[in-house]
Amino acid sequence: MSNKSLNKTRMLAGCGMLTAVAIVLQYIEAPIPFIPSFIKLDFSDLPELIGSFAYGPVAGILIALVKNIIHLAVSQSGYVGELSNFILGAVFAGVAGLIYKKHKTMKGALVGGIAGAVCMALISFPSNLFIVYPFYYNFMPKEIVLQAYQAIVPSMKSIEQSLVVFNMPFTFIKGILCVVISMLIYKPLSPVLKGKNK
């Protein structure tokens, strides 16, 4: 087998493994104090980030896509949650992977990850405002959703304000946590993902 074919096989195997881990992590979610209970934390974006570092931004985006396609089978959001998760994950992994591809250093990975987290947080505003929340309003009136935010911070006047105060920082912190974890585990994982000896 040629080196090119071997590298492609390793990449496919690595992406498959990372996708499987992402699927498992998507089921492990936890509520966060001082955040409305319908917003939960999971780390399923972590394998996408690692995949984008190991194999490039397209690989990270594909991991996000396949993860959410598989999750459609158990969707509780009419597929809207999976669409939003894919959009945010693709932005996160894509931006981080593009920067790291040009600067393959620890600093490049860190800058790429932070930039990806910032972009993901920014995109979460229109994603929630125009895709996710309008769907949920069919089951939970907009006023009730706003009241969930007001129960924590009474001064919240609108969903838009709530998304800026709660959801965007939450999404950014979630991204940063994935970046920190990836910084700790990527180097030991890299030989496994790329089939190289330490």
C-alpha atoms as a PDB file:
ATOM      1  CA  MET A   1       0.000   0.000   0.000  1.00  0.00           C
ATOM      2  CA  SER A   2       1.373   3.424  -0.941  1.00  0.00           C
ATOM      3  CA  ASN A   3       2.048   6.070   1.696  1.00  0.00           C
ATOM      4  CA  LYS A   4      -0.802   8.170   0.302  1.00  0.00           C
ATOM      5  CA  SER A   5      -3.275   5.307   0.577  1.00  0.00           C
ATOM      6  CA  LEU A   6      -1.995   4.427   4.042  1.00  0.00           C
ATOM      7  CA  ASN A   7      -2.381   8.025   5.230  1.00  0.00           C
ATOM      8  CA  LYS A   8      -5.911   8.163   3.822  1.00  0.00           C
ATOM      9  CA  THR A   9      -6.796   4.911   5.587  1.00  0.00           C
ATOM     10  CA  ARG A  10      -5.399   6.220   8.862  1.00  0.00           C
ATOM     11  CA  MET A  11      -7.330   9.459   8.467  1.00  0.00           C
ATOM     12  CA  LEU A  12     -10.606   7.620   7.815  1.00  0.00           C
ATOM     13  CA  ALA A  13     -10.002   5.346  10.803  1.00  0.00           C
ATOM     14  CA  GLY A  14      -9.099   8.312  13.000  1.00  0.00           C
ATOM     15  CA  CYS A  15     -12.150  10.295  11.919  1.00  0.00           C
ATOM     16  CA  GLY A  16     -14.341   7.258  12.557  1.00  0.00           C
ATOM     17  CA  MET A  17     -12.940   6.872  16.056  1.00  0.00           C
ATOM     18  CA  LEU A  18     -13.357  10.582  16.830  1.00  0.00           C
ATOM     19  CA  THR A  19     -16.907  10.553  15.462  1.00  0.00           C
ATOM     20  CA  ALA A  20     -17.777   7.615  17.724  1.00  0.00           C
ATOM     21  CA  VAL A  21     -16.402   9.494  20.734  1.00  0.00           C
ATOM     22  CA  ALA A  22     -18.343  12.638  19.720  1.00  0.00           C
ATOM     23  CA  ILE A  23     -21.573  10.620  19.510  1.00  0.00           C
ATOM     24  CA  VAL A  24     -21.042   9.240  23.020  1.00  0.00           C
ATOM     25  CA  LEU A  25     -20.183  12.678  24.414  1.00  0.00           C
ATOM     26  CA  GLN A  26     -23.332  14.139  22.844  1.00  0.00           C
ATOM     27  CA  TYR A  27     -25.381  11.904  25.156  1.00  0.00           C
ATOM     28  CA  ILE A  28     -23.456  13.006  28.244  1.00  0.00           C
ATOM     29  CA  GLU A  29     -24.798  16.429  29.115  1.00  0.00           C
ATOM     30  CA  ALA A  30     -25.246  18.269  32.373  1.00  0.00           C
ATOM     31  CA  PRO A  31     -27.218  21.328  33.519  1.00  0.00           C
ATOM     32  CA  ILE A  32     -25.191  24.335  34.624  1.00  0.00           C
ATOM     33  CA  PRO A  33     -25.946  26.449  37.729  1.00  0.00           C
ATOM     34  CA  PHE A  34     -27.241  29.981  37.063  1.00  0.00           C
ATOM     35  CA  ILE A  35     -28.253  28.997  33.504  1.00  0.00           C
ATOM     36  CA  PRO A  36     -31.817  28.042  32.448  1.00  0.00           C
ATOM     37  CA  SER A  37     -32.266  24.270  32.801  1.00  0.00           C
ATOM     38  CA  PHE A  38     -32.934  23.751  29.084  1.00  0.00           C
ATOM     39  CA  ILE A  39     -29.321  24.796  28.334  1.00  0.00           C
ATOM     40  CA  LYS A  40     -26.962  21.901  29.021  1.00  0.00           C
ATOM     41  CA  LEU A  41     -23.214  21.372  28.733  1.00  0.00           C
ATOM     42  CA  ASP A  42     -21.649  18.600  26.676  1.00  0.00           C
ATOM     43  CA  PHE A  43     -18.196  18.144  25.179  1.00  0.00           C
ATOM     44  CA  SER A  44     -19.123  16.599  21.837  1.00  0.00           C
ATOM     45  CA  ASP A  45     -17.304  19.434  20.024  1.00  0.00           C
ATOM     46  CA  LEU A  46     -13.974  18.255  21.474  1.00  0.00           C
ATOM     47  CA  PRO A  47     -13.441  15.366  18.989  1.00  0.00           C
ATOM     48  CA  GLU A  48     -14.287  17.732  16.119  1.00  0.00           C
ATOM     49  CA  LEU A  49     -11.606  20.140  17.313  1.00  0.00           C
ATOM     50  CA  ILE A  50      -9.035  17.362  17.677  1.00  0.00           C
ATOM     51  CA  GLY A  51      -9.973  16.036  14.232  1.00  0.00           C
ATOM     52  CA  SER A  52      -9.473  19.456  12.678  1.00  0.00           C
ATOM     53  CA  PHE A  53      -6.016  19.690  14.258  1.00  0.00           C
ATOM     54  CA  ALA A  54      -5.012  16.178  13.230  1.00  0.00           C
ATOM     55  CA  TYR A  55      -6.476  16.014   9.717  1.00  0.00           C
ATOM     56  CA  GLY A  56      -7.521  19.528   8.742  1.00  0.00           C
ATOM     57  CA  PRO A  57     -10.660  21.693   9.005  1.00  0.00           C
ATOM     58  CA  VAL A  58     -12.709  19.608   6.553  1.00  0.00           C
ATOM     59  CA  ALA A  59     -12.255  16.531   8.735  1.00  0.00           C
ATOM     60  CA  GLY A  60     -13.475  18.408  11.815  1.00  0.00           C
ATOM     61  CA  ILE A  61     -16.545  19.637   9.941  1.00  0.00           C
ATOM     62  CA  LEU A  62     -17.287  16.110   8.647  1.00  0.00           C
ATOM     63  CA  ILE A  63     -17.082  14.708  12.185  1.00  0.00           C
ATOM     64  CA  ALA A  64     -19.630  17.334  13.272  1.00  0.00           C
ATOM     65  CA  LEU A  65     -21.875  16.427  10.324  1.00  0.00           C
ATOM     66  CA  VAL A  66     -21.809  12.656  10.799  1.00  0.00           C
ATOM     67  CA  LYS A  67     -22.257  12.984  14.575  1.00  0.00           C
ATOM     68  CA  ASN A  68     -25.432  14.996  14.123  1.00  0.00           C
ATOM     69  CA  ILE A  69     -26.791  12.870  11.275  1.00  0.00           C
ATOM     70  CA  ILE A  70     -26.549   9.815  13.533  1.00  0.00           C
ATOM     71  CA  HIS A  71     -28.102  11.750  16.428  1.00  0.00           C
ATOM     72  CA  LEU A  72     -31.144  12.556  14.270  1.00  0.00           C
ATOM     73  CA  ALA A  73     -32.463   9.065  15.068  1.00  0.00           C
ATOM     74  CA  VAL A  74     -33.045  10.099  18.695  1.00  0.00           C
ATOM     75  CA  SER A  75     -33.709  13.792  18.136  1.00  0.00           C
ATOM     76  CA  GLN A  76     -36.025  15.451  20.632  1.00  0.00           C
ATOM     77  CA  SER A  77     -35.933  18.804  18.861  1.00  0.00           C
ATOM     78  CA  GLY A  78     -37.451  18.013  15.480  1.00  0.00           C
ATOM     79  CA  TYR A  79     -33.900  17.983  14.052  1.00  0.00           C
ATOM     80  CA  VAL A  80     -33.482  21.691  14.834  1.00  0.00           C
ATOM     81  CA  GLY A  81     -31.086  21.056  17.706  1.00  0.00           C
ATOM     82  CA  GLU A  82     -28.908  18.879  15.495  1.00  0.00           C
ATOM     83  CA  LEU A  83     -28.857  21.527  12.774  1.00  0.00           C
ATOM     84  CA  SER A  84     -27.755  24.181  15.250  1.00  0.00           C
ATOM     85  CA  ASN A  85     -25.193  21.850  16.826  1.00  0.00           C
ATOM     86  CA  PHE A  86     -23.722  21.137  13.400  1.00  0.00           C
ATOM     87  CA  ILE A  87     -23.560  24.831  12.473  1.00  0.00           C
ATOM     88  CA  LEU A  88     -21.795  25.773  15.710  1.00  0.00           C
ATOM     89  CA  GLY A  89     -19.490  22.747  15.696  1.00  0.00           C
ATOM     90  CA  ALA A  90     -18.553  23.282  12.055  1.00  0.00           C
ATOM     91  CA  VAL A  91     -17.703  26.939  12.713  1.00  0.00           C
ATOM     92  CA  PHE A  92     -15.650  26.012  15.787  1.00  0.00           C
ATOM     93  CA  ALA A  93     -13.680  23.198  14.148  1.00  0.00           C
ATOM     94  CA  GLY A  94     -13.434  24.949  10.782  1.00  0.00           C
ATOM     95  CA  VAL A  95     -11.983  28.206  12.085  1.00  0.00           C
ATOM     96  CA  ALA A  96      -9.617  26.457  14.505  1.00  0.00           C
ATOM     97  CA  GLY A  97      -8.478  24.001  11.842  1.00  0.00           C
ATOM     98  CA  LEU A  98      -7.855  26.676   9.237  1.00  0.00           C
ATOM     99  CA  ILE A  99      -5.636  28.690  11.563  1.00  0.00           C
ATOM    100  CA  TYR A 100      -3.752  25.635  12.789  1.00  0.00           C
ATOM    101  CA  LYS A 101      -3.217  24.469   9.208  1.00  0.00           C
ATOM    102  CA  LYS A 102      -1.266  27.689   8.551  1.00  0.00           C
ATOM    103  CA  HIS A 103       0.533  27.729  11.914  1.00  0.00           C
ATOM    104  CA  LYS A 104       1.214  24.171  13.089  1.00  0.00           C
ATOM    105  CA  THR A 105       2.520  25.039  16.530  1.00  0.00           C
ATOM    106  CA  MET A 106       1.095  24.905  20.042  1.00  0.00           C
ATOM    107  CA  LYS A 107       0.529  28.659  19.806  1.00  0.00           C
ATOM    108  CA  GLY A 108      -1.227  28.204  16.453  1.00  0.00           C
ATOM    109  CA  ALA A 109      -3.516  25.568  17.958  1.00  0.00           C
ATOM    110  CA  LEU A 110      -4.279  27.805  20.947  1.00  0.00           C
ATOM    111  CA  VAL A 111      -4.982  30.883  18.805  1.00  0.00           C
ATOM    112  CA  GLY A 112      -7.048  28.797  16.397  1.00  0.00           C
ATOM    113  CA  GLY A 113      -9.064  27.246  19.204  1.00  0.00           C
ATOM    114  CA  ILE A 114      -9.772  30.595  20.858  1.00  0.00           C
ATOM    115  CA  ALA A 115     -10.735  32.154  17.520  1.00  0.00           C
ATOM    116  CA  GLY A 116     -13.015  29.181  16.855  1.00  0.00           C
ATOM    117  CA  ALA A 117     -14.656  29.578  20.262  1.00  0.00           C
ATOM    118  CA  VAL A 118     -15.233  33.303  19.642  1.00  0.00           C
ATOM    119  CA  CYS A 119     -16.769  32.647  16.217  1.00  0.00           C
ATOM    120  CA  MET A 120     -18.937  29.841  17.613  1.00  0.00           C
ATOM    121  CA  ALA A 121     -20.223  32.157  20.357  1.00  0.00           C
ATOM    122  CA  LEU A 122     -21.018  34.891  17.821  1.00  0.00           C
ATOM    123  CA  ILE A 123     -22.826  32.470  15.492  1.00  0.00           C
ATOM    124  CA  SER A 124     -24.808  31.056  18.420  1.00  0.00           C
ATOM    125  CA  PHE A 125     -26.795  34.319  18.587  1.00  0.00           C
ATOM    126  CA  PRO A 126     -28.443  34.130  15.129  1.00  0.00           C
ATOM    127  CA  SER A 127     -28.557  30.326  15.325  1.00  0.00           C
ATOM    128  CA  ASN A 128     -30.612  30.404  18.517  1.00  0.00           C
ATOM    129  CA  LEU A 129     -32.628  33.486  17.595  1.00  0.00           C
ATOM    130  CA  PHE A 130     -33.708  32.379  14.121  1.00  0.00           C
ATOM    131  CA  ILE A 131     -33.465  28.559  14.163  1.00  0.00           C
ATOM    132  CA  VAL A 132     -33.634  26.946  17.594  1.00  0.00           C
ATOM    133  CA  TYR A 133     -35.872  29.169  19.695  1.00  0.00           C
ATOM    134  CA  PRO A 134     -38.610  29.763  17.083  1.00  0.00           C
ATOM    135  CA  PHE A 135     -39.030  25.986  16.925  1.00  0.00           C
ATOM    136  CA  TYR A 136     -39.259  25.676  20.716  1.00  0.00           C
ATOM    137  CA  TYR A 137     -41.855  28.433  20.838  1.00  0.00           C
ATOM    138  CA  ASN A 138     -44.256  25.875  19.337  1.00  0.00           C
ATOM    139  CA  PHE A 139     -44.081  23.971  22.631  1.00  0.00           C
ATOM    140  CA  MET A 140     -43.032  26.639  25.118  1.00  0.00           C
ATOM    141  CA  PRO A 141     -44.349  30.173  24.578  1.00  0.00           C
ATOM    142  CA  LYS A 142     -41.743  32.881  24.110  1.00  0.00           C
ATOM    143  CA  GLU A 143     -42.885  34.557  27.310  1.00  0.00           C
ATOM    144  CA  ILE A 144     -42.212  31.388  29.326  1.00  0.00           C
ATOM    145  CA  VAL A 145     -38.723  31.069  27.825  1.00  0.00           C
ATOM    146  CA  LEU A 146     -37.999  34.683  28.752  1.00  0.00           C
ATOM    147  CA  GLN A 147     -39.306  34.073  32.275  1.00  0.00           C
ATOM    148  CA  ALA A 148     -36.753  31.257  32.679  1.00  0.00           C
ATOM    149  CA  TYR A 149     -34.001  33.818  32.101  1.00  0.00           C
ATOM    150  CA  GLN A 150     -35.721  36.424  34.282  1.00  0.00           C
ATOM    151  CA  ALA A 151     -35.875  33.915  37.145  1.00  0.00           C
ATOM    152  CA  ILE A 152     -32.080  34.137  37.210  1.00  0.00           C
ATOM    153  CA  VAL A 153     -31.621  37.802  36.228  1.00  0.00           C
ATOM    154  CA  PRO A 154     -34.888  39.749  36.610  1.00  0.00           C
ATOM    155  CA  SER A 155     -33.591  42.641  34.486  1.00  0.00           C
ATOM    156  CA  MET A 156     -33.699  40.595  31.264  1.00  0.00           C
ATOM    157  CA  LYS A 157     -36.048  42.451  28.908  1.00  0.00           C
ATOM    158  CA  SER A 158     -35.960  40.279  25.782  1.00  0.00           C
ATOM    159  CA  ILE A 159     -34.814  36.985  24.297  1.00  0.00           C
ATOM    160  CA  GLU A 160     -32.156  38.873  22.339  1.00  0.00           C
ATOM    161  CA  GLN A 161     -30.709  40.350  25.522  1.00  0.00           C
ATOM    162  CA  SER A 162     -30.866  36.949  27.223  1.00  0.00           C
ATOM    163  CA  LEU A 163     -28.971  35.279  24.391  1.00  0.00           C
ATOM    164  CA  VAL A 164     -26.209  37.881  24.662  1.00  0.00           C
ATOM    165  CA  VAL A 165     -25.976  37.690  28.458  1.00  0.00           C
ATOM    166  CA  PHE A 166     -26.356  33.924  28.892  1.00  0.00           C
ATOM    167  CA  ASN A 167     -26.004  31.860  25.715  1.00  0.00           C
ATOM    168  CA  MET A 168     -23.085  33.586  24.019  1.00  0.00           C
ATOM    169  CA  PRO A 169     -20.785  33.513  27.085  1.00  0.00           C
ATOM    170  CA  PHE A 170     -21.876  29.923  27.791  1.00  0.00           C
ATOM    171  CA  THR A 171     -21.012  28.873  24.233  1.00  0.00           C
ATOM    172  CA  PHE A 172     -17.659  30.662  24.394  1.00  0.00           C
ATOM    173  CA  ILE A 173     -16.731  29.047  27.718  1.00  0.00           C
ATOM    174  CA  LYS A 174     -17.782  25.647  26.393  1.00  0.00           C
ATOM    175  CA  GLY A 175     -15.463  26.188  23.425  1.00  0.00           C
ATOM    176  CA  ILE A 176     -12.593  27.329  25.649  1.00  0.00           C
ATOM    177  CA  LEU A 177     -12.974  24.247  27.850  1.00  0.00           C
ATOM    178  CA  CYS A 178     -12.688  22.078  24.718  1.00  0.00           C
ATOM    179  CA  VAL A 179      -9.567  24.031  23.716  1.00  0.00           C
ATOM    180  CA  VAL A 180      -7.961  23.531  27.138  1.00  0.00           C
ATOM    181  CA  ILE A 181      -8.700  19.795  27.112  1.00  0.00           C
ATOM    182  CA  SER A 182      -7.398  19.482  23.552  1.00  0.00           C
ATOM    183  CA  MET A 183      -4.149  21.209  24.559  1.00  0.00           C
ATOM    184  CA  LEU A 184      -3.688  18.597  27.275  1.00  0.00           C
ATOM    185  CA  ILE A 185      -4.494  15.479  25.253  1.00  0.00           C
ATOM    186  CA  TYR A 186      -3.670  16.264  21.611  1.00  0.00           C
ATOM    187  CA  LYS A 187       0.080  15.664  21.827  1.00  0.00           C
ATOM    188  CA  PRO A 188      -0.275  12.184  23.419  1.00  0.00           C
ATOM    189  CA  LEU A 189      -3.094  11.343  20.968  1.00  0.00           C
ATOM    190  CA  SER A 190      -1.325  12.602  17.863  1.00  0.00           C
ATOM    191  CA  PRO A 191       0.861   9.514  17.307  1.00  0.00           C
ATOM    192  CA  VAL A 192      -2.245   7.308  17.566  1.00  0.00           C
ATOM    193  CA  LEU A 193      -4.270   9.458  15.181  1.00  0.00           C
ATOM    194  CA  LYS A 194      -1.478   9.815  12.652  1.00  0.00           C
ATOM    195  CA  GLY A 195       0.012   6.342  13.016  1.00  0.00           C
ATOM    196  CA  LYS A 196       3.418   7.619  14.063  1.00  0.00           C
ATOM    197  CA  ASN A 197       5.689   6.299  16.729  1.00  0.00           C
ATOM    198  CA  LYS A 198       6.485   8.585  19.629  1.00  0.00           C
END
